[in-house]
Amino acid sequence: MYCSNCGVELSSGWKYCPQCGAPAGEGGSNPFRNGRTGRTLVRPREDRQIAGVCAGLARYLGMDVTLVRVLVVCLSIWPPLVGLIFYVICWIVVPNEPLLLVPPANRTAADSGATNVV
């Protein structure tokens, strides 16, 4: 089986591609497989200015991040502090985007420095 995202050959037991992290197997792209929708509210690890709240809201709502930032600033000014309180609460409640770590490579005898002595 091959990854539909990057084309790497996958073992039949793998649930995710070790190269790109895409779901593998039958129905690998089905976002409802684990009971969650494909759209979740998280604070991204990139494209953040302070805590990533506005960037996460923009991704979740499908809006431009600049527009969301302007709306939060406007809500911070009028009515007083509403936007700031909203931002701090979202900073506390909304989780960070999970890290996608590459699985460790399989080490062979040649890689570990072991030599065959006869």
C-alpha atoms as a PDB file:
ATOM      1  CA  MET A   1       0.000   0.000   0.000  1.00  0.00           C
ATOM      2  CA  TYR A   2       1.196   3.538  -0.760  1.00  0.00           C
ATOM      3  CA  CYS A   3       0.495   6.866   0.941  1.00  0.00           C
ATOM      4  CA  SER A   4      -2.057   8.855  -1.038  1.00  0.00           C
ATOM      5  CA  ASN A   5      -0.399  12.096   0.091  1.00  0.00           C
ATOM      6  CA  CYS A   6       3.347  11.608  -0.553  1.00  0.00           C
ATOM      7  CA  GLY A   7       3.604   8.202  -2.307  1.00  0.00           C
ATOM      8  CA  VAL A   8       5.784   6.407   0.267  1.00  0.00           C
ATOM      9  CA  GLU A   9       5.270   2.637   0.509  1.00  0.00           C
ATOM     10  CA  LEU A  10       3.427   1.741   3.733  1.00  0.00           C
ATOM     11  CA  SER A  11       3.255  -1.435   5.731  1.00  0.00           C
ATOM     12  CA  SER A  12      -0.263  -2.851   6.140  1.00  0.00           C
ATOM     13  CA  GLY A  13      -0.312  -2.274   9.924  1.00  0.00           C
ATOM     14  CA  TRP A  14       0.540   1.436   9.845  1.00  0.00           C
ATOM     15  CA  LYS A  15      -2.208   3.906  10.647  1.00  0.00           C
ATOM     16  CA  TYR A  16      -0.195   6.983   9.612  1.00  0.00           C
ATOM     17  CA  CYS A  17       2.469   7.659   6.993  1.00  0.00           C
ATOM     18  CA  PRO A  18       5.921   7.988   8.630  1.00  0.00           C
ATOM     19  CA  GLN A  19       6.990  10.489   5.952  1.00  0.00           C
ATOM     20  CA  CYS A  20       4.153  13.050   5.969  1.00  0.00           C
ATOM     21  CA  GLY A  21       1.849  11.989   8.841  1.00  0.00           C
ATOM     22  CA  ALA A  22      -1.230  11.515   6.645  1.00  0.00           C
ATOM     23  CA  PRO A  23      -3.769   8.859   7.722  1.00  0.00           C
ATOM     24  CA  ALA A  24      -3.284   5.514   5.975  1.00  0.00           C
ATOM     25  CA  GLY A  25      -5.402   2.446   5.366  1.00  0.00           C
ATOM     26  CA  GLU A  26      -8.931   2.075   4.108  1.00  0.00           C
ATOM     27  CA  GLY A  27     -10.918   5.192   4.774  1.00  0.00           C
ATOM     28  CA  GLY A  28      -7.720   6.977   5.739  1.00  0.00           C
ATOM     29  CA  SER A  29      -9.059  10.356   4.723  1.00  0.00           C
ATOM     30  CA  ASN A  30     -12.396   9.913   6.498  1.00  0.00           C
ATOM     31  CA  PRO A  31     -12.506  12.645   9.160  1.00  0.00           C
ATOM     32  CA  PHE A  32     -15.430  11.002  10.975  1.00  0.00           C
ATOM     33  CA  ARG A  33     -13.618   7.702  11.578  1.00  0.00           C
ATOM     34  CA  ASN A  34     -12.693   8.502  15.181  1.00  0.00           C
ATOM     35  CA  GLY A  35     -15.854  10.461  16.008  1.00  0.00           C
ATOM     36  CA  ARG A  36     -14.316  13.884  15.375  1.00  0.00           C
ATOM     37  CA  THR A  37     -14.992  16.222  12.531  1.00  0.00           C
ATOM     38  CA  GLY A  38     -12.131  17.356  10.326  1.00  0.00           C
ATOM     39  CA  ARG A  39     -12.371  20.907  11.679  1.00  0.00           C
ATOM     40  CA  THR A  40     -11.085  21.465  15.204  1.00  0.00           C
ATOM     41  CA  LEU A  41     -10.297  24.669  17.047  1.00  0.00           C
ATOM     42  CA  VAL A  42      -6.609  24.680  17.944  1.00  0.00           C
ATOM     43  CA  ARG A  43      -3.923  27.337  18.282  1.00  0.00           C
ATOM     44  CA  PRO A  44      -1.439  26.719  15.446  1.00  0.00           C
ATOM     45  CA  ARG A  45       2.268  26.532  16.210  1.00  0.00           C
ATOM     46  CA  GLU A  46       3.146  28.720  13.216  1.00  0.00           C
ATOM     47  CA  ASP A  47       1.553  31.963  11.971  1.00  0.00           C
ATOM     48  CA  ARG A  48       0.960  33.205  15.510  1.00  0.00           C
ATOM     49  CA  GLN A  49       1.622  36.702  16.789  1.00  0.00           C
ATOM     50  CA  ILE A  50       1.124  36.319  20.552  1.00  0.00           C
ATOM     51  CA  ALA A  51      -0.616  33.054  21.421  1.00  0.00           C
ATOM     52  CA  GLY A  52      -2.169  31.971  18.119  1.00  0.00           C
ATOM     53  CA  VAL A  53      -5.771  32.561  19.191  1.00  0.00           C
ATOM     54  CA  CYS A  54      -6.672  34.753  16.204  1.00  0.00           C
ATOM     55  CA  ALA A  55      -4.885  32.428  13.755  1.00  0.00           C
ATOM     56  CA  GLY A  56      -6.746  29.419  15.188  1.00  0.00           C
ATOM     57  CA  LEU A  57     -10.098  31.191  15.009  1.00  0.00           C
ATOM     58  CA  ALA A  58      -9.389  32.284  11.436  1.00  0.00           C
ATOM     59  CA  ARG A  59      -8.589  28.700  10.390  1.00  0.00           C
ATOM     60  CA  TYR A  60     -11.648  27.339  12.174  1.00  0.00           C
ATOM     61  CA  LEU A  61     -14.030  29.910  10.677  1.00  0.00           C
ATOM     62  CA  GLY A  62     -12.375  29.976   7.243  1.00  0.00           C
ATOM     63  CA  MET A  63     -11.667  33.704   7.472  1.00  0.00           C
ATOM     64  CA  ASP A  64      -8.641  35.905   6.868  1.00  0.00           C
ATOM     65  CA  VAL A  65      -6.454  36.096   9.974  1.00  0.00           C
ATOM     66  CA  THR A  66      -6.023  39.872   9.590  1.00  0.00           C
ATOM     67  CA  LEU A  67      -9.786  40.384   9.735  1.00  0.00           C
ATOM     68  CA  VAL A  68     -10.028  38.313  12.919  1.00  0.00           C
ATOM     69  CA  ARG A  69      -7.174  40.291  14.496  1.00  0.00           C
ATOM     70  CA  VAL A  70      -8.845  43.601  13.615  1.00  0.00           C
ATOM     71  CA  LEU A  71     -12.153  42.377  15.112  1.00  0.00           C
ATOM     72  CA  VAL A  72     -10.436  41.361  18.363  1.00  0.00           C
ATOM     73  CA  VAL A  73      -8.699  44.748  18.609  1.00  0.00           C
ATOM     74  CA  CYS A  74     -12.009  46.544  17.954  1.00  0.00           C
ATOM     75  CA  LEU A  75     -13.697  44.461  20.669  1.00  0.00           C
ATOM     76  CA  SER A  76     -10.853  45.364  23.033  1.00  0.00           C
ATOM     77  CA  ILE A  77     -11.544  49.055  22.513  1.00  0.00           C
ATOM     78  CA  TRP A  78     -15.354  49.082  22.405  1.00  0.00           C
ATOM     79  CA  PRO A  79     -17.004  47.746  24.566  1.00  0.00           C
ATOM     80  CA  PRO A  80     -14.042  48.172  26.916  1.00  0.00           C
ATOM     81  CA  LEU A  81     -11.888  45.059  27.483  1.00  0.00           C
ATOM     82  CA  VAL A  82     -14.376  42.544  26.011  1.00  0.00           C
ATOM     83  CA  GLY A  83     -11.944  41.521  23.267  1.00  0.00           C
ATOM     84  CA  LEU A  84      -9.042  41.274  25.686  1.00  0.00           C
ATOM     85  CA  ILE A  85     -11.004  39.095  28.111  1.00  0.00           C
ATOM     86  CA  PHE A  86     -12.172  36.908  25.185  1.00  0.00           C
ATOM     87  CA  TYR A  87      -8.560  36.561  23.977  1.00  0.00           C
ATOM     88  CA  VAL A  88      -7.207  35.558  27.396  1.00  0.00           C
ATOM     89  CA  ILE A  89      -9.989  33.017  27.934  1.00  0.00           C
ATOM     90  CA  CYS A  90      -9.345  31.494  24.490  1.00  0.00           C
ATOM     91  CA  TRP A  91      -5.602  31.454  25.236  1.00  0.00           C
ATOM     92  CA  ILE A  92      -6.313  29.338  28.323  1.00  0.00           C
ATOM     93  CA  VAL A  93      -9.062  27.085  26.905  1.00  0.00           C
ATOM     94  CA  VAL A  94      -8.056  26.410  23.276  1.00  0.00           C
ATOM     95  CA  PRO A  95      -5.293  23.773  23.061  1.00  0.00           C
ATOM     96  CA  ASN A  96      -2.091  24.079  21.038  1.00  0.00           C
ATOM     97  CA  GLU A  97      -1.862  22.239  17.749  1.00  0.00           C
ATOM     98  CA  PRO A  98      -0.313  18.800  18.404  1.00  0.00           C
ATOM     99  CA  LEU A  99       3.285  18.216  17.380  1.00  0.00           C
ATOM    100  CA  LEU A 100       3.766  15.885  14.432  1.00  0.00           C
ATOM    101  CA  LEU A 101       6.876  13.939  15.339  1.00  0.00           C
ATOM    102  CA  VAL A 102       8.659  11.687  12.884  1.00  0.00           C
ATOM    103  CA  PRO A 103       8.876   8.108  14.186  1.00  0.00           C
ATOM    104  CA  PRO A 104      12.391   6.856  14.875  1.00  0.00           C
ATOM    105  CA  ALA A 105      14.074   5.048  11.998  1.00  0.00           C
ATOM    106  CA  ASN A 106      14.701   1.322  12.277  1.00  0.00           C
ATOM    107  CA  ARG A 107      18.334   0.732  13.170  1.00  0.00           C
ATOM    108  CA  THR A 108      20.193  -2.082  11.504  1.00  0.00           C
ATOM    109  CA  ALA A 109      23.448  -3.736  12.531  1.00  0.00           C
ATOM    110  CA  ALA A 110      25.351  -1.615   9.993  1.00  0.00           C
ATOM    111  CA  ASP A 111      23.908   1.594  11.454  1.00  0.00           C
ATOM    112  CA  SER A 112      24.665   0.709  15.068  1.00  0.00           C
ATOM    113  CA  GLY A 113      28.358   0.187  14.422  1.00  0.00           C
ATOM    114  CA  ALA A 114      28.306  -3.544  15.190  1.00  0.00           C
ATOM    115  CA  THR A 115      30.805  -5.650  13.304  1.00  0.00           C
ATOM    116  CA  ASN A 116      30.707  -9.320  12.561  1.00  0.00           C
ATOM    117  CA  VAL A 117      33.738 -11.070  14.000  1.00  0.00           C
ATOM    118  CA  VAL A 118      34.355 -14.593  12.787  1.00  0.00           C
END
